[in-house]
Amino acid sequence: MDNFYARSVFFVKDAEAALAFYTKILGFELDWNHQSEGRAWVFEVSLFGFCLILNQVWNDTKDRAGHGRCFIGLEPDQATALCEHIRTKGIQISRDDWGKPTLVIKDMDGNELFFWVPESELASLESEMAKRKAKPIPPR
């Protein structure tokens, strides 16, 4: 038997805004995009082999936006690659302790991507992000 084609689905209030957030801010690639009336409606994005479907809410799903959580387990080298991607993109993160130190990325609706990363990686990333926030932005 072959592996199932399985994907998590996050419901979002504005699929067009979510598409821009996931591709431009988080650096995901767009795999496919089903549109309705010329706008994104349901689409799949991927990053480092992780695939996620995002779905515009509608009448019967309007209360689902922002209630998603997906856990992604990482090997040490994968955690390092993810943390470097986060540094490069300047992605906002938070920490949770969900059995282990957990790196959390939230989208604009509050859907959550949870990653277990080594404590040292997470602490280093948090420290760097705090320094970036503390630095004043030079005038142009």
Protein backbone atom coordinates (compact mmCIF):
# COMPACT_ATOMS: atom_id res chain seq x y z
CA MET A 1 0.00 0.00 0.00
CA ASP A 2 1.25 3.49 -0.83
CA ASN A 3 1.35 6.31 1.68
CA PHE A 4 -1.79 8.40 2.05
CA TYR A 5 -1.82 11.89 0.60
CA ALA A 6 -2.52 13.63 3.94
CA ARG A 7 -2.47 17.35 4.69
CA SER A 8 -3.47 19.52 7.60
CA VAL A 9 -5.99 22.26 6.77
CA PHE A 10 -6.06 25.69 8.39
CA PHE A 11 -9.17 27.80 7.94
CA VAL A 12 -8.53 31.50 7.34
CA LYS A 13 -10.73 34.59 7.17
CA ASP A 14 -9.00 35.99 4.07
CA ALA A 15 -7.35 33.44 1.80
CA GLU A 16 -5.68 36.11 -0.37
CA ALA A 17 -4.04 37.69 2.70
CA ALA A 18 -3.07 34.24 4.01
CA LEU A 19 -1.51 33.35 0.66
CA ALA A 20 0.62 36.50 0.79
CA PHE A 21 1.58 35.87 4.44
CA TYR A 22 2.63 32.25 3.90
CA THR A 23 4.55 32.89 0.69
CA LYS A 24 6.03 36.37 1.22
CA ILE A 25 6.54 36.48 5.00
CA LEU A 26 7.10 32.82 5.89
CA GLY A 27 8.77 31.81 2.62
CA PHE A 28 6.50 28.89 1.69
CA GLU A 29 6.16 27.87 -1.96
CA LEU A 30 2.72 27.83 -3.57
CA ASP A 31 1.93 24.27 -4.75
CA TRP A 32 -1.57 24.85 -6.10
CA ASN A 33 -4.31 27.45 -5.82
CA HIS A 34 -8.04 26.85 -6.38
CA GLN A 35 -9.71 30.20 -6.91
CA SER A 36 -13.27 31.41 -6.72
CA GLU A 37 -14.26 34.64 -8.46
CA GLY A 38 -10.58 35.36 -9.20
CA ARG A 39 -9.45 35.06 -5.57
CA ALA A 40 -7.61 32.34 -3.68
CA TRP A 41 -10.12 30.03 -2.00
CA VAL A 42 -8.26 26.83 -1.16
CA PHE A 43 -4.54 26.46 -1.73
CA GLU A 44 -1.55 24.39 -0.70
CA VAL A 45 1.83 25.74 0.36
CA SER A 46 5.00 23.88 1.29
CA LEU A 47 8.27 24.51 3.10
CA PHE A 48 11.09 21.97 3.56
CA GLY A 49 8.74 19.12 2.57
CA PHE A 50 5.93 20.15 4.95
CA CYS A 51 2.69 20.80 3.06
CA LEU A 52 -0.29 22.73 4.40
CA ILE A 53 -3.68 23.50 2.88
CA LEU A 54 -5.36 26.81 3.68
CA ASN A 55 -9.09 27.24 3.17
CA GLN A 56 -11.18 30.41 3.04
CA VAL A 57 -14.00 30.27 5.62
CA TRP A 58 -17.57 30.40 4.40
CA ASN A 59 -20.98 30.27 6.02
CA ASP A 60 -20.69 26.78 7.53
CA THR A 61 -17.00 27.17 8.49
CA LYS A 62 -16.89 30.82 9.59
CA ASP A 63 -16.11 29.90 13.22
CA ARG A 64 -13.13 27.71 12.33
CA ALA A 65 -10.59 30.41 11.43
CA GLY A 66 -7.68 30.59 13.85
CA HIS A 67 -8.33 27.30 15.64
CA GLY A 68 -5.69 25.23 13.84
CA ARG A 69 -2.50 23.82 15.29
CA CYS A 70 -0.03 21.62 13.49
CA PHE A 71 2.95 19.97 15.15
CA ILE A 72 6.05 19.35 13.04
CA GLY A 73 8.73 17.10 14.54
CA LEU A 74 12.29 17.90 13.55
CA GLU A 75 15.64 16.15 13.57
CA PRO A 76 18.52 18.31 14.91
CA ASP A 77 19.79 19.24 11.42
CA GLN A 78 16.25 20.13 10.35
CA ALA A 79 15.84 22.34 13.43
CA THR A 80 19.05 24.15 12.52
CA ALA A 81 17.85 24.70 8.94
CA LEU A 82 14.45 25.95 10.14
CA CYS A 83 16.02 28.36 12.64
CA GLU A 84 18.31 29.73 9.93
CA HIS A 85 15.29 30.21 7.66
CA ILE A 86 13.52 32.09 10.48
CA ARG A 87 16.58 34.30 11.05
CA THR A 88 16.93 35.07 7.34
CA LYS A 89 13.24 35.92 6.90
CA GLY A 90 12.91 37.74 10.25
CA ILE A 91 9.86 35.64 11.12
CA GLN A 92 8.18 36.46 14.42
CA ILE A 93 8.19 33.51 16.83
CA SER A 94 7.10 32.75 20.34
CA ARG A 95 7.89 29.98 22.79
CA ASP A 96 5.63 27.47 24.42
CA ASP A 97 6.49 24.50 26.55
CA TRP A 98 4.46 21.71 25.04
CA GLY A 99 6.26 18.77 26.61
CA LYS A 100 9.54 20.23 25.36
CA PRO A 101 10.68 23.72 24.37
CA THR A 102 8.42 24.57 21.46
CA LEU A 103 8.95 27.19 18.78
CA VAL A 104 5.61 28.66 17.70
CA ILE A 105 4.74 30.58 14.55
CA LYS A 106 1.23 32.03 14.30
CA ASP A 107 -0.52 33.28 11.22
CA MET A 108 -2.76 36.35 11.15
CA ASP A 109 -5.81 34.30 12.19
CA GLY A 110 -3.99 32.66 15.11
CA ASN A 111 -3.42 29.23 13.51
CA GLU A 112 -0.25 27.75 15.01
CA LEU A 113 2.74 25.85 13.68
CA PHE A 114 4.51 24.08 16.56
CA PHE A 115 8.10 22.84 16.23
CA TRP A 116 10.18 21.04 18.85
CA VAL A 117 13.71 22.41 18.60
CA PRO A 118 16.69 21.89 20.91
CA GLU A 119 16.69 24.32 23.84
CA SER A 120 20.02 25.79 22.72
CA GLU A 121 18.67 26.56 19.21
CA LEU A 122 15.50 28.14 20.57
CA ALA A 123 17.35 30.22 23.17
CA SER A 124 19.81 31.47 20.54
CA LEU A 125 17.00 32.35 18.14
CA GLU A 126 15.03 34.17 20.85
CA SER A 127 18.12 36.13 21.87
CA GLU A 128 18.81 37.20 18.29
CA MET A 129 15.19 38.21 17.72
CA ALA A 130 15.16 40.25 20.94
CA LYS A 131 18.31 42.09 19.83
CA ARG A 132 16.74 42.88 16.46
CA LYS A 133 13.69 44.36 18.17
CA ALA A 134 15.84 46.44 20.52
CA LYS A 135 17.89 48.04 17.74
CA PRO A 136 16.51 51.33 16.46
CA ILE A 137 15.81 51.44 12.76
CA PRO A 138 18.17 53.93 11.10
CA PRO A 139 16.52 56.73 9.10
CA ARG A 140 16.63 56.41 5.32
